C-alpha atoms as a PDB file:
ATOM      1  CA  MET A   1      43.524  97.341  60.513  1.00  0.00           C
ATOM      2  CA  ARG A   2      42.559  93.632  60.521  1.00  0.00           C
ATOM      3  CA  VAL A   3      39.416  92.290  59.023  1.00  0.00           C
ATOM      4  CA  PHE A   4      38.161  89.454  61.218  1.00  0.00           C
ATOM      5  CA  ALA A   5      34.979  88.452  59.320  1.00  0.00           C
ATOM      6  CA  ASP A   6      34.021  87.820  55.717  1.00  0.00           C
ATOM      7  CA  TYR A   7      30.270  88.001  55.407  1.00  0.00           C
ATOM      8  CA  HIS A   8      30.055  87.945  51.597  1.00  0.00           C
ATOM      9  CA  THR A   9      31.119  84.650  50.029  1.00  0.00           C
ATOM     10  CA  HIS A  10      29.442  82.440  47.511  1.00  0.00           C
ATOM     11  CA  THR A  11      29.303  78.646  46.968  1.00  0.00           C
ATOM     12  CA  VAL A  12      28.156  76.113  44.514  1.00  0.00           C
ATOM     13  CA  TYR A  13      24.545  76.639  45.914  1.00  0.00           C
ATOM     14  CA  SER A  14      24.428  79.598  43.701  1.00  0.00           C
ATOM     15  CA  HIS A  15      27.316  80.486  41.223  1.00  0.00           C
ATOM     16  CA  GLY A  16      30.362  80.030  43.287  1.00  0.00           C
ATOM     17  CA  MET A  17      32.929  77.390  42.557  1.00  0.00           C
ATOM     18  CA  GLY A  18      33.575  75.877  45.996  1.00  0.00           C
ATOM     19  CA  SER A  19      31.550  74.088  48.702  1.00  0.00           C
ATOM     20  CA  ILE A  20      30.636  75.621  52.146  1.00  0.00           C
ATOM     21  CA  ARG A  21      33.272  73.339  53.588  1.00  0.00           C
ATOM     22  CA  GLU A  22      35.944  74.735  51.237  1.00  0.00           C
ATOM     23  CA  ASN A  23      35.008  78.289  51.993  1.00  0.00           C
ATOM     24  CA  VAL A  24      35.208  77.538  55.768  1.00  0.00           C
ATOM     25  CA  GLU A  25      38.601  75.921  55.379  1.00  0.00           C
ATOM     26  CA  ALA A  26      39.783  78.759  53.375  1.00  0.00           C
ATOM     27  CA  ALA A  27      38.612  81.237  55.976  1.00  0.00           C
ATOM     28  CA  ILE A  28      40.497  79.444  58.683  1.00  0.00           C
ATOM     29  CA  GLU A  29      43.661  79.449  56.510  1.00  0.00           C
ATOM     30  CA  ALA A  30      43.199  83.256  56.069  1.00  0.00           C
ATOM     31  CA  GLY A  31      42.932  83.635  59.830  1.00  0.00           C
ATOM     32  CA  LEU A  32      39.411  84.787  59.938  1.00  0.00           C
ATOM     33  CA  GLU A  33      37.222  84.540  63.068  1.00  0.00           C
ATOM     34  CA  LYS A  34      33.900  84.477  61.210  1.00  0.00           C
ATOM     35  CA  ILE A  35      32.834  83.192  57.783  1.00  0.00           C
ATOM     36  CA  GLY A  36      29.426  83.998  56.196  1.00  0.00           C
ATOM     37  CA  ILE A  37      27.903  82.046  53.278  1.00  0.00           C
ATOM     38  CA  ALA A  38      25.668  84.643  51.433  1.00  0.00           C
ATOM     39  CA  ASP A  39      24.435  83.170  48.164  1.00  0.00           C
ATOM     40  CA  HIS A  40      22.042  84.811  46.052  1.00  0.00           C
ATOM     41  CA  GLY A  41      18.144  84.918  46.911  1.00  0.00           C
ATOM     42  CA  TYR A  42      15.926  82.517  45.017  1.00  0.00           C
ATOM     43  CA  MET A  43      14.255  85.161  42.834  1.00  0.00           C
ATOM     44  CA  HIS A  44      17.448  85.633  40.610  1.00  0.00           C
ATOM     45  CA  LEU A  45      16.815  83.927  37.405  1.00  0.00           C
ATOM     46  CA  GLY A  46      20.325  82.905  36.674  1.00  0.00           C
ATOM     47  CA  PHE A  47      21.980  81.928  39.945  1.00  0.00           C
ATOM     48  CA  GLY A  48      19.619  82.148  42.715  1.00  0.00           C
ATOM     49  CA  VAL A  49      19.579  79.445  45.359  1.00  0.00           C
ATOM     50  CA  ARG A  50      16.686  76.962  45.002  1.00  0.00           C
ATOM     51  CA  TYR A  51      14.296  77.747  47.660  1.00  0.00           C
ATOM     52  CA  GLU A  52      14.350  74.251  49.286  1.00  0.00           C
ATOM     53  CA  ASN A  53      18.180  74.393  49.441  1.00  0.00           C
ATOM     54  CA  PHE A  54      18.177  76.985  52.161  1.00  0.00           C
ATOM     55  CA  ASP A  55      17.288  74.215  54.617  1.00  0.00           C
ATOM     56  CA  LEU A  56      20.008  72.075  53.254  1.00  0.00           C
ATOM     57  CA  MET A  57      22.463  74.828  53.632  1.00  0.00           C
ATOM     58  CA  ARG A  58      21.408  75.465  57.236  1.00  0.00           C
ATOM     59  CA  ASN A  59      21.725  71.763  58.059  1.00  0.00           C
ATOM     60  CA  GLU A  60      25.065  71.562  56.458  1.00  0.00           C
ATOM     61  CA  ILE A  61      26.364  74.590  58.421  1.00  0.00           C
ATOM     62  CA  GLU A  62      25.173  73.052  61.621  1.00  0.00           C
ATOM     63  CA  ARG A  63      27.171  69.932  61.028  1.00  0.00           C
ATOM     64  CA  LEU A  64      30.295  71.881  60.005  1.00  0.00           C
ATOM     65  CA  LYS A  65      30.142  73.792  63.159  1.00  0.00           C
ATOM     66  CA  THR A  66      30.848  70.591  65.176  1.00  0.00           C
ATOM     67  CA  GLU A  67      33.996  69.969  62.973  1.00  0.00           C
ATOM     68  CA  TYR A  68      35.388  73.457  62.802  1.00  0.00           C
ATOM     69  CA  ARG A  69      35.065  74.973  66.305  1.00  0.00           C
ATOM     70  CA  GLU A  70      37.817  77.494  65.831  1.00  0.00           C
ATOM     71  CA  ILE A  71      35.709  79.590  63.516  1.00  0.00           C
ATOM     72  CA  GLU A  72      32.180  80.948  63.691  1.00  0.00           C
ATOM     73  CA  ILE A  73      30.213  79.807  60.531  1.00  0.00           C
ATOM     74  CA  LEU A  74      27.179  81.859  59.604  1.00  0.00           C
ATOM     75  CA  LEU A  75      24.489  81.508  57.038  1.00  0.00           C
ATOM     76  CA  GLY A  76      23.354  84.640  55.289  1.00  0.00           C
ATOM     77  CA  VAL A  77      21.721  85.433  51.928  1.00  0.00           C
ATOM     78  CA  GLU A  78      22.415  88.221  49.405  1.00  0.00           C
ATOM     79  CA  ALA A  79      18.900  89.035  48.708  1.00  0.00           C
ATOM     80  CA  ASN A  80      17.595  90.704  45.615  1.00  0.00           C
ATOM     81  CA  ILE A  81      15.812  94.049  45.687  1.00  0.00           C
ATOM     82  CA  LEU A  82      12.806  93.408  43.669  1.00  0.00           C
ATOM     83  CA  ASP A  83      10.926  96.714  43.270  1.00  0.00           C
ATOM     84  CA  ILE A  84      10.842 100.408  44.124  1.00  0.00           C
ATOM     85  CA  GLU A  85       8.992  99.621  47.218  1.00  0.00           C
ATOM     86  CA  GLY A  86      11.965  97.791  48.625  1.00  0.00           C
ATOM     87  CA  ARG A  87      10.647  94.233  48.690  1.00  0.00           C
ATOM     88  CA  ILE A  88      13.303  91.492  48.789  1.00  0.00           C
ATOM     89  CA  ASP A  89      13.224  87.762  48.185  1.00  0.00           C
ATOM     90  CA  VAL A  90      13.400  86.832  51.910  1.00  0.00           C
ATOM     91  CA  ASP A  91      10.147  85.477  53.344  1.00  0.00           C
ATOM     92  CA  GLU A  92       9.501  84.593  57.026  1.00  0.00           C
ATOM     93  CA  HIS A  93      10.785  81.072  56.506  1.00  0.00           C
ATOM     94  CA  ILE A  94      14.148  82.138  55.130  1.00  0.00           C
ATOM     95  CA  ARG A  95      14.424  84.961  57.748  1.00  0.00           C
ATOM     96  CA  ASP A  96      14.175  82.267  60.377  1.00  0.00           C
ATOM     97  CA  ILE A  97      16.781  80.103  58.786  1.00  0.00           C
ATOM     98  CA  VAL A  98      19.483  82.700  58.066  1.00  0.00           C
ATOM     99  CA  ASP A  99      21.741  84.565  60.506  1.00  0.00           C
ATOM    100  CA  TYR A 100      21.687  87.791  58.586  1.00  0.00           C
ATOM    101  CA  VAL A 101      20.455  89.417  55.292  1.00  0.00           C
ATOM    102  CA  MET A 102      22.495  91.278  52.779  1.00  0.00           C
ATOM    103  CA  ALA A 103      20.611  92.879  49.912  1.00  0.00           C
ATOM    104  CA  GLY A 104      21.539  94.564  46.654  1.00  0.00           C
ATOM    105  CA  TYR A 105      20.418  95.386  43.222  1.00  0.00           C
ATOM    106  CA  HIS A 106      21.191  92.743  40.662  1.00  0.00           C
ATOM    107  CA  PHE A 107      20.354  92.371  36.985  1.00  0.00           C
ATOM    108  CA  GLY A 108      18.609  89.094  36.389  1.00  0.00           C
ATOM    109  CA  SER A 109      16.354  89.131  39.369  1.00  0.00           C
ATOM    110  CA  ARG A 110      12.719  88.656  38.781  1.00  0.00           C
ATOM    111  CA  PRO A 111      10.982  91.936  39.677  1.00  0.00           C
ATOM    112  CA  THR A 112       7.749  92.146  41.469  1.00  0.00           C
ATOM    113  CA  HIS A 113       6.239  94.290  38.625  1.00  0.00           C
ATOM    114  CA  MET A 114       7.668  92.686  35.477  1.00  0.00           C
ATOM    115  CA  VAL A 115       7.130  95.632  33.099  1.00  0.00           C
ATOM    116  CA  ARG A 116       8.131  98.391  35.395  1.00  0.00           C
ATOM    117  CA  GLY A 117      11.130  96.490  36.761  1.00  0.00           C
ATOM    118  CA  SER A 118      12.408  95.444  33.240  1.00  0.00           C
ATOM    119  CA  MET A 119      11.996  98.974  32.012  1.00  0.00           C
ATOM    120  CA  ASN A 120      14.112 100.241  34.900  1.00  0.00           C
ATOM    121  CA  HIS A 121      16.799  97.510  34.097  1.00  0.00           C
ATOM    122  CA  ALA A 122      16.946  98.909  30.439  1.00  0.00           C
ATOM    123  CA  LEU A 123      17.099 102.541  31.568  1.00  0.00           C
ATOM    124  CA  ASN A 124      20.312 101.765  33.409  1.00  0.00           C
ATOM    125  CA  TYR A 125      21.933 101.459  30.083  1.00  0.00           C
ATOM    126  CA  ILE A 126      20.604 104.530  28.424  1.00  0.00           C
ATOM    127  CA  LYS A 127      22.587 107.393  29.463  1.00  0.00           C
ATOM    128  CA  PRO A 128      20.191 110.335  28.469  1.00  0.00           C
ATOM    129  CA  LEU A 129      17.563 108.595  30.709  1.00  0.00           C
ATOM    130  CA  ASN A 130      19.823 107.554  33.464  1.00  0.00           C
ATOM    131  CA  HIS A 131      18.327 110.046  35.868  1.00  0.00           C
ATOM    132  CA  LEU A 132      15.099 107.968  35.743  1.00  0.00           C
ATOM    133  CA  SER A 133      16.792 104.709  36.640  1.00  0.00           C
ATOM    134  CA  LYS A 134      18.835 106.570  39.367  1.00  0.00           C
ATOM    135  CA  GLU A 135      15.705 107.817  41.228  1.00  0.00           C
ATOM    136  CA  TYR A 136      14.077 104.273  40.947  1.00  0.00           C
ATOM    137  CA  ASN A 137      17.306 102.523  42.151  1.00  0.00           C
ATOM    138  CA  THR A 138      17.821 104.945  45.044  1.00  0.00           C
ATOM    139  CA  ARG A 139      14.179 104.742  46.133  1.00  0.00           C
ATOM    140  CA  ALA A 140      14.438 100.897  45.944  1.00  0.00           C
ATOM    141  CA  LEU A 141      17.470 100.807  48.165  1.00  0.00           C
ATOM    142  CA  VAL A 142      16.093 103.223  50.662  1.00  0.00           C
ATOM    143  CA  ASN A 143      12.787 101.514  51.013  1.00  0.00           C
ATOM    144  CA  ALA A 144      14.498  98.119  51.186  1.00  0.00           C
ATOM    145  CA  MET A 145      16.355  99.297  54.274  1.00  0.00           C
ATOM    146  CA  LYS A 146      13.242 100.805  55.795  1.00  0.00           C
ATOM    147  CA  ARG A 147      10.974  97.825  55.362  1.00  0.00           C
ATOM    148  CA  ASN A 148      13.471  94.995  55.960  1.00  0.00           C
ATOM    149  CA  GLU A 149      16.001  94.130  58.615  1.00  0.00           C
ATOM    150  CA  ILE A 150      19.153  94.313  56.366  1.00  0.00           C
ATOM    151  CA  PHE A 151      22.605  93.803  57.827  1.00  0.00           C
ATOM    152  CA  ILE A 152      24.660  94.976  54.755  1.00  0.00           C
ATOM    153  CA  ILE A 153      23.836  96.571  51.454  1.00  0.00           C
ATOM    154  CA  SER A 154      26.003  94.774  48.946  1.00  0.00           C
ATOM    155  CA  HIS A 155      28.160  96.731  46.475  1.00  0.00           C
ATOM    156  CA  PRO A 156      26.023  99.846  46.467  1.00  0.00           C
ATOM    157  CA  GLY A 157      26.307 101.669  42.996  1.00  0.00           C
ATOM    158  CA  ALA A 158      27.950  98.696  41.285  1.00  0.00           C
ATOM    159  CA  LYS A 159      24.999  97.466  39.166  1.00  0.00           C
ATOM    160  CA  ALA A 160      23.098 100.706  38.888  1.00  0.00           C
ATOM    161  CA  SER A 161      23.535 104.423  39.621  1.00  0.00           C
ATOM    162  CA  ILE A 162      22.201 105.807  42.919  1.00  0.00           C
ATOM    163  CA  ASP A 163      22.035 108.924  44.907  1.00  0.00           C
ATOM    164  CA  LEU A 164      24.632 107.871  47.461  1.00  0.00           C
ATOM    165  CA  ASP A 165      23.971 110.744  49.831  1.00  0.00           C
ATOM    166  CA  ARG A 166      20.291 109.565  50.273  1.00  0.00           C
ATOM    167  CA  VAL A 167      21.336 105.902  50.543  1.00  0.00           C
ATOM    168  CA  ALA A 168      23.908 106.676  53.328  1.00  0.00           C
ATOM    169  CA  LYS A 169      21.254 108.790  55.221  1.00  0.00           C
ATOM    170  CA  ALA A 170      18.865 105.848  55.192  1.00  0.00           C
ATOM    171  CA  ALA A 171      21.632 103.413  56.142  1.00  0.00           C
ATOM    172  CA  ILE A 172      22.428 105.605  59.187  1.00  0.00           C
ATOM    173  CA  GLU A 173      18.742 105.737  60.104  1.00  0.00           C
ATOM    174  CA  THR A 174      18.217 101.938  59.898  1.00  0.00           C
ATOM    175  CA  ASP A 175      21.636 100.992  61.236  1.00  0.00           C
ATOM    176  CA  THR A 176      22.615  99.266  58.014  1.00  0.00           C
ATOM    177  CA  ALA A 177      26.296  98.888  56.877  1.00  0.00           C
ATOM    178  CA  LEU A 178      27.254  99.745  53.329  1.00  0.00           C
ATOM    179  CA  GLU A 179      29.682  97.255  51.664  1.00  0.00           C
ATOM    180  CA  ILE A 180      33.257  98.086  50.396  1.00  0.00           C
ATOM    181  CA  ASN A 181      33.269  95.277  47.998  1.00  0.00           C
ATOM    182  CA  SER A 182      36.866  93.974  47.216  1.00  0.00           C
ATOM    183  CA  SER A 183      35.629  92.494  43.894  1.00  0.00           C
ATOM    184  CA  HIS A 184      33.347  94.913  42.196  1.00  0.00           C
ATOM    185  CA  GLY A 185      35.196  98.185  43.017  1.00  0.00           C
ATOM    186  CA  HIS A 186      32.210  99.717  44.960  1.00  0.00           C
ATOM    187  CA  LEU A 187      32.054 101.557  47.094  1.00  0.00           C
ATOM    188  CA  SER A 188      34.812 103.392  45.104  1.00  0.00           C
ATOM    189  CA  LEU A 189      37.389 105.720  46.401  1.00  0.00           C
ATOM    190  CA  GLU A 190      35.430 108.569  45.305  1.00  0.00           C
ATOM    191  CA  GLU A 191      32.184 107.287  46.873  1.00  0.00           C
ATOM    192  CA  LEU A 192      34.059 106.562  50.068  1.00  0.00           C
ATOM    193  CA  LEU A 193      35.304 110.175  50.215  1.00  0.00           C
ATOM    194  CA  GLN A 194      31.823 111.458  49.503  1.00  0.00           C
ATOM    195  CA  ILE A 195      30.154 109.810  52.461  1.00  0.00           C
ATOM    196  CA  LYS A 196      32.960 108.997  54.931  1.00  0.00           C
ATOM    197  CA  ASP A 197      32.079 111.911  57.256  1.00  0.00           C
ATOM    198  CA  THR A 198      28.302 111.205  57.435  1.00  0.00           C
ATOM    199  CA  GLY A 199      28.615 108.616  60.252  1.00  0.00           C
ATOM    200  CA  VAL A 200      27.600 105.738  57.999  1.00  0.00           C
ATOM    201  CA  LYS A 201      29.098 102.320  58.905  1.00  0.00           C
ATOM    202  CA  PHE A 202      30.814 100.141  56.394  1.00  0.00           C
ATOM    203  CA  ALA A 203      31.578  96.451  55.951  1.00  0.00           C
ATOM    204  CA  ILE A 204      34.344  95.056  53.930  1.00  0.00           C
ATOM    205  CA  GLY A 205      33.529  91.974  51.883  1.00  0.00           C
ATOM    206  CA  SER A 206      35.464  89.751  49.557  1.00  0.00           C
ATOM    207  CA  ASP A 207      32.494  88.730  47.442  1.00  0.00           C
ATOM    208  CA  ALA A 208      34.508  85.535  46.845  1.00  0.00           C
ATOM    209  CA  HIS A 209      33.207  83.175  44.094  1.00  0.00           C
ATOM    210  CA  ARG A 210      35.880  80.640  44.732  1.00  0.00           C
ATOM    211  CA  PRO A 211      37.629  79.491  48.037  1.00  0.00           C
ATOM    212  CA  SER A 212      40.963  81.023  47.183  1.00  0.00           C
ATOM    213  CA  ASP A 213      39.358  84.501  47.329  1.00  0.00           C
ATOM    214  CA  VAL A 214      37.766  84.103  50.700  1.00  0.00           C
ATOM    215  CA  GLY A 215      39.287  86.733  53.095  1.00  0.00           C
ATOM    216  CA  ASP A 216      41.097  88.501  50.253  1.00  0.00           C
ATOM    217  CA  PHE A 217      40.295  92.198  51.084  1.00  0.00           C
ATOM    218  CA  THR A 218      43.421  93.619  49.334  1.00  0.00           C
ATOM    219  CA  ASP A 219      41.589  95.953  46.911  1.00  0.00           C
ATOM    220  CA  ALA A 220      39.018  97.113  49.460  1.00  0.00           C
ATOM    221  CA  LEU A 221      41.626  97.825  52.112  1.00  0.00           C
ATOM    222  CA  GLN A 222      43.625  99.974  49.537  1.00  0.00           C
ATOM    223  CA  ARG A 223      40.567 102.210  48.963  1.00  0.00           C
ATOM    224  CA  VAL A 224      39.890 102.307  52.746  1.00  0.00           C
ATOM    225  CA  GLU A 225      43.435 103.593  53.389  1.00  0.00           C
ATOM    226  CA  LYS A 226      43.440 106.075  50.667  1.00  0.00           C
ATOM    227  CA  ALA A 227      40.054 107.498  51.715  1.00  0.00           C
ATOM    228  CA  GLY A 228      41.152 107.709  55.383  1.00  0.00           C
ATOM    229  CA  ILE A 229      38.309 105.554  56.692  1.00  0.00           C
ATOM    230  CA  SER A 230      38.887 104.835  60.372  1.00  0.00           C
ATOM    231  CA  GLN A 231      38.717 101.248  61.938  1.00  0.00           C
ATOM    232  CA  GLN A 232      35.795 102.392  64.067  1.00  0.00           C
ATOM    233  CA  GLN A 233      33.690 102.982  60.905  1.00  0.00           C
ATOM    234  CA  ILE A 234      33.985  99.397  59.727  1.00  0.00           C
ATOM    235  CA  ILE A 235      31.931  96.805  61.465  1.00  0.00           C
ATOM    236  CA  ASN A 236      34.119  93.766  60.781  1.00  0.00           C
ATOM    237  CA  SER A 237      37.621  95.304  61.483  1.00  0.00           C
ATOM    238  CA  ARG A 238      39.928  95.680  64.460  1.00  0.00           C
ATOM    239  CA  ARG A 239      43.317  97.160  65.043  1.00  0.00           C
END
């Protein structure tokens, strides 16, 4: 199995260590056909892309396309899911600029409902009340897929517990891929075994925060092999 695209890489525009150019060059060195830049949405308090920088990123990528014709360079965004209704920090302007949208649950994002969202963040750490946060997180992911055009859900289950069966069902209904993240460990082997026969599609991502990690899918591919996931189930792989 060969992964031909890395849709989940970060740059200095959020909290990565390399430039877009450096990620592109690393992707070429890794033999990839496509490289996606998916920095964090602007509503993340710690490392979201500044809103006005999305235009700069788009312009930079258009320039790089003329230099590196041997690879397809895409601009994405790793949006933050902001509330239980599934709102994300992608407005019409950003939607028009980017080529695709990833979305995930992240600590540090500014929720639409500050009190409610902050309480749920806290509940993720209180085991006796974890069932409450699990329901919130699950509904947020499901609703995000239903109300937005999302290409990939990033690292489902990594930042907060979810009902994976319900998330997989919504992903199938909305034609959304679930990420097998090579950095976070989710989807885990156990999670892959749980949902691999549902018909859900997967995407393998490096979640690279430095150029040297672009195209490094080692850990994810080990989980894929152990779980018996077929190449046909992974949207960015070929034989």
